[in-house]
Amino acid sequence: MPLNLDYLQELSDLFVSDVRKSAYYANLSETERREFDVQVEQEEMRGLRPLLPGAEEEALERLSEAMPKELGIPLPHSVAEILRQVDGFVENGVSLYGVDAEFRDGQFDSGPGLLAENLATWSGHVETAQKYLFVGDSDLWLFAIDLSDGRSLALDRSRLIPQHWFSTLEEMVDDMMRQALGYLDEETDQSASGPPPEDLFSRN
């Protein structure tokens, strides 16, 4: 099932806008800024989403080979399909884990890696090891797949208690993008130790 293409496009537009307003962009030479703008334009003309690419097959293959060795579990097909559409993102306190940098050509900084984040979480919270595959996080939540039944869910980050289940992984990632884009029905000021905000997740 494809992800929400509107959300993907909005994230891409947001990332491009943020770069153009950044000190990094301001410090580029005129030639370098023109090269960046031309690359963005060319990717848009090719139907791609600038600064929000999908994972390359070679990188996915390397990740798939490493998962059983490092975590003792295979890379779920549903996760690979998500990564083919969007190879991770970080925005507004929400992270979707992507292919780890060491599996990419060039090993560029790509944000939180799926393998590394699970190794760290499983090490810090041994009760989650081989129980959940974590695919992302936010200030309040850990987004995961329950390895016993394949269900996608959000766990309270501080207590590691399941708080919300999703019908599909795509639905969960759509909600992650929704939160990253700030699409909440109303403002909330809930702490991580409080009950889950009623408006945080979309409803079927």
Protein backbone atom coordinates (compact mmCIF):
# COMPACT_ATOMS: atom_id res chain seq x y z
CA MET A 1 0.00 0.00 0.00
CA PRO A 2 1.46 3.41 -0.90
CA LEU A 3 2.02 6.10 1.69
CA ASN A 4 0.10 9.37 1.60
CA LEU A 5 1.72 11.10 -1.38
CA ASP A 6 0.50 14.52 -0.28
CA TYR A 7 2.30 14.17 3.05
CA LEU A 8 5.47 13.00 1.30
CA GLN A 9 5.36 15.98 -1.05
CA GLU A 10 4.73 18.42 1.80
CA LEU A 11 7.70 17.05 3.73
CA SER A 12 9.90 17.36 0.65
CA ASP A 13 8.76 20.95 0.08
CA LEU A 14 9.38 21.72 3.75
CA PHE A 15 12.91 20.31 3.66
CA VAL A 16 13.78 22.28 0.51
CA SER A 17 12.33 25.46 2.04
CA ASP A 18 14.29 24.91 5.27
CA VAL A 19 17.54 24.48 3.35
CA ARG A 20 16.96 27.67 1.38
CA LYS A 21 16.35 29.60 4.62
CA SER A 22 19.34 28.06 6.40
CA ALA A 23 22.75 29.54 7.18
CA TYR A 24 24.24 26.64 5.23
CA TYR A 25 22.50 27.77 2.04
CA ALA A 26 23.36 31.42 2.70
CA ASN A 27 27.03 30.54 2.99
CA LEU A 28 27.12 28.68 -0.30
CA SER A 29 28.66 30.38 -3.27
CA GLU A 30 26.35 31.63 -5.99
CA THR A 31 27.42 28.70 -8.15
CA GLU A 32 26.72 26.18 -5.38
CA ARG A 33 23.28 27.66 -4.70
CA ARG A 34 22.48 27.53 -8.41
CA GLU A 35 23.61 23.88 -8.55
CA PHE A 36 21.35 23.03 -5.60
CA ASP A 37 18.38 24.80 -7.18
CA VAL A 38 18.96 23.09 -10.53
CA GLN A 39 19.18 19.68 -8.86
CA VAL A 40 15.89 20.32 -7.01
CA GLU A 41 14.23 21.41 -10.24
CA GLN A 42 15.53 18.40 -12.18
CA GLU A 43 14.37 15.95 -9.50
CA GLU A 44 10.93 17.55 -9.45
CA MET A 45 10.72 17.28 -13.24
CA ARG A 46 11.57 13.56 -12.96
CA GLY A 47 8.73 13.06 -10.49
CA LEU A 48 11.05 12.66 -7.51
CA ARG A 49 10.77 14.33 -4.11
CA PRO A 50 13.92 16.41 -3.45
CA LEU A 51 15.64 15.73 -0.11
CA LEU A 52 13.18 12.89 0.59
CA PRO A 53 14.40 9.97 -1.52
CA GLY A 54 13.50 6.32 -1.30
CA ALA A 55 16.18 3.79 -0.39
CA GLU A 56 18.34 2.31 -3.13
CA GLU A 57 18.00 -1.43 -3.68
CA GLU A 58 21.68 -2.09 -3.00
CA ALA A 59 21.43 -0.37 0.39
CA LEU A 60 18.28 -2.31 1.25
CA GLU A 61 20.00 -5.57 0.36
CA ARG A 62 22.89 -4.76 2.69
CA LEU A 63 20.47 -3.89 5.50
CA SER A 64 18.51 -7.10 4.86
CA GLU A 65 21.70 -9.15 5.12
CA ALA A 66 22.76 -7.43 8.36
CA MET A 67 19.44 -7.69 10.21
CA PRO A 68 19.52 -11.47 10.91
CA LYS A 69 23.19 -11.28 11.86
CA GLU A 70 22.84 -8.32 14.22
CA LEU A 71 19.25 -8.58 15.48
CA GLY A 72 18.38 -12.20 14.83
CA ILE A 73 15.32 -11.26 12.78
CA PRO A 74 14.71 -10.65 9.06
CA LEU A 75 13.88 -7.25 7.66
CA PRO A 76 10.07 -7.32 7.31
CA HIS A 77 8.82 -6.92 3.76
CA SER A 78 6.48 -4.13 4.89
CA VAL A 79 9.41 -2.12 6.30
CA ALA A 80 11.43 -2.57 3.10
CA GLU A 81 8.44 -1.32 1.09
CA ILE A 82 8.19 1.78 3.30
CA LEU A 83 11.91 2.48 2.89
CA ARG A 84 11.60 2.19 -0.87
CA GLN A 85 9.13 5.08 -0.69
CA VAL A 86 10.91 7.20 1.93
CA ASP A 87 14.32 6.41 3.34
CA GLY A 88 13.70 7.96 6.73
CA PHE A 89 13.14 11.53 7.86
CA VAL A 90 13.47 13.77 10.90
CA GLU A 91 11.07 16.69 11.37
CA ASN A 92 9.29 18.41 14.24
CA GLY A 93 10.58 15.87 16.77
CA VAL A 94 9.41 12.88 14.72
CA SER A 95 11.88 10.40 13.21
CA LEU A 96 11.32 7.57 10.77
CA TYR A 97 14.42 5.38 10.80
CA GLY A 98 16.10 4.83 7.46
CA VAL A 99 18.83 2.60 6.08
CA ASP A 100 21.94 2.92 8.24
CA ALA A 101 24.73 5.05 6.81
CA GLU A 102 27.23 2.17 6.59
CA PHE A 103 25.01 0.38 4.09
CA ARG A 104 24.83 3.35 1.75
CA ASP A 105 27.24 4.28 -0.99
CA GLY A 106 29.27 7.17 0.39
CA GLN A 107 28.02 6.58 3.97
CA PHE A 108 26.51 10.07 4.13
CA ASP A 109 24.71 11.21 7.27
CA SER A 110 21.16 10.01 6.75
CA GLY A 111 19.66 10.41 10.20
CA PRO A 112 18.74 7.60 12.60
CA GLY A 113 19.40 4.14 11.16
CA LEU A 114 16.99 1.25 11.64
CA LEU A 115 19.61 -1.26 12.73
CA ALA A 116 21.53 1.08 15.04
CA GLU A 117 18.39 2.40 16.73
CA ASN A 118 17.11 -1.10 17.46
CA LEU A 119 20.48 -2.25 18.78
CA ALA A 120 20.53 0.76 21.12
CA THR A 121 16.91 0.39 22.27
CA TRP A 122 17.17 -3.36 22.76
CA SER A 123 20.36 -2.84 24.77
CA GLY A 124 18.84 -0.12 26.94
CA HIS A 125 15.48 -1.89 27.37
CA VAL A 126 16.18 -5.62 27.26
CA GLU A 127 12.49 -6.44 27.67
CA THR A 128 11.92 -5.11 24.13
CA ALA A 129 14.62 -7.24 22.48
CA GLN A 130 13.16 -9.43 19.72
CA LYS A 131 9.70 -8.37 20.88
CA TYR A 132 9.43 -5.11 18.93
CA LEU A 133 11.12 -3.81 15.80
CA PHE A 134 11.26 -0.07 16.28
CA VAL A 135 10.79 1.93 13.08
CA GLY A 136 10.66 5.47 14.47
CA ASP A 137 10.12 7.72 17.44
CA SER A 138 8.95 11.10 18.66
CA ASP A 139 9.14 13.03 21.91
CA LEU A 140 6.25 10.97 23.32
CA TRP A 141 6.20 7.74 21.33
CA LEU A 142 8.16 4.79 20.05
CA PHE A 143 6.69 3.47 16.80
CA ALA A 144 7.14 -0.25 16.34
CA ILE A 145 6.07 -3.55 14.86
CA ASP A 146 5.09 -6.29 17.31
CA LEU A 147 7.19 -9.22 16.11
CA SER A 148 4.75 -11.78 17.53
CA ASP A 149 1.82 -10.79 15.33
CA GLY A 150 3.12 -8.14 12.90
CA ARG A 151 0.84 -5.39 14.23
CA SER A 152 2.02 -1.79 14.12
CA LEU A 153 1.73 0.21 17.32
CA ALA A 154 2.83 3.27 19.25
CA LEU A 155 4.29 2.76 22.71
CA ASP A 156 4.50 5.36 25.46
CA ARG A 157 8.16 6.33 25.28
CA SER A 158 8.75 6.58 29.02
CA ARG A 159 6.86 3.47 30.14
CA LEU A 160 7.12 1.30 27.00
CA ILE A 161 3.40 0.54 27.24
CA PRO A 162 1.40 0.11 24.00
CA GLN A 163 -1.05 3.00 23.59
CA HIS A 164 -2.36 2.80 20.04
CA TRP A 165 -2.55 0.15 17.33
CA PHE A 166 -2.72 0.72 13.58
CA SER A 167 -4.31 -1.43 10.92
CA THR A 168 -1.17 -1.29 8.74
CA LEU A 169 2.40 -0.05 8.88
CA GLU A 170 1.54 2.46 6.15
CA GLU A 171 -1.20 3.91 8.34
CA MET A 172 1.30 4.33 11.18
CA VAL A 173 3.90 6.04 8.98
CA ASP A 174 1.19 8.31 7.55
CA ASP A 175 0.36 9.32 11.12
CA MET A 176 4.04 9.92 11.82
CA MET A 177 4.20 12.25 8.81
CA ARG A 178 0.98 13.91 9.95
CA GLN A 179 2.58 14.65 13.33
CA ALA A 180 5.83 15.79 11.68
CA LEU A 181 3.82 18.26 9.60
CA GLY A 182 2.00 19.53 12.69
CA TYR A 183 -1.44 18.28 11.70
CA LEU A 184 -3.06 18.04 15.12
CA ASP A 185 -6.72 18.78 15.65
CA GLU A 186 -5.93 20.96 18.62
CA GLU A 187 -2.93 21.95 20.68
CA THR A 188 -1.96 19.58 23.46
CA ASP A 189 0.39 19.95 26.37
CA GLN A 190 0.54 16.38 27.59
CA SER A 191 3.66 15.05 29.22
CA ALA A 192 5.04 11.66 28.26
CA SER A 193 3.86 10.28 31.61
CA GLY A 194 0.27 11.40 31.10
CA PRO A 195 -2.51 9.73 29.11
CA PRO A 196 -2.19 9.77 25.31
CA PRO A 197 -3.75 12.85 23.70
CA GLU A 198 -7.02 11.88 22.06
CA ASP A 199 -6.27 13.86 18.89
CA LEU A 200 -2.72 12.68 18.28
CA PHE A 201 -3.53 9.71 16.07
CA SER A 202 -5.90 9.62 13.13
CA ARG A 203 -8.96 7.43 13.31
CA ASN A 204 -10.09 4.80 10.81
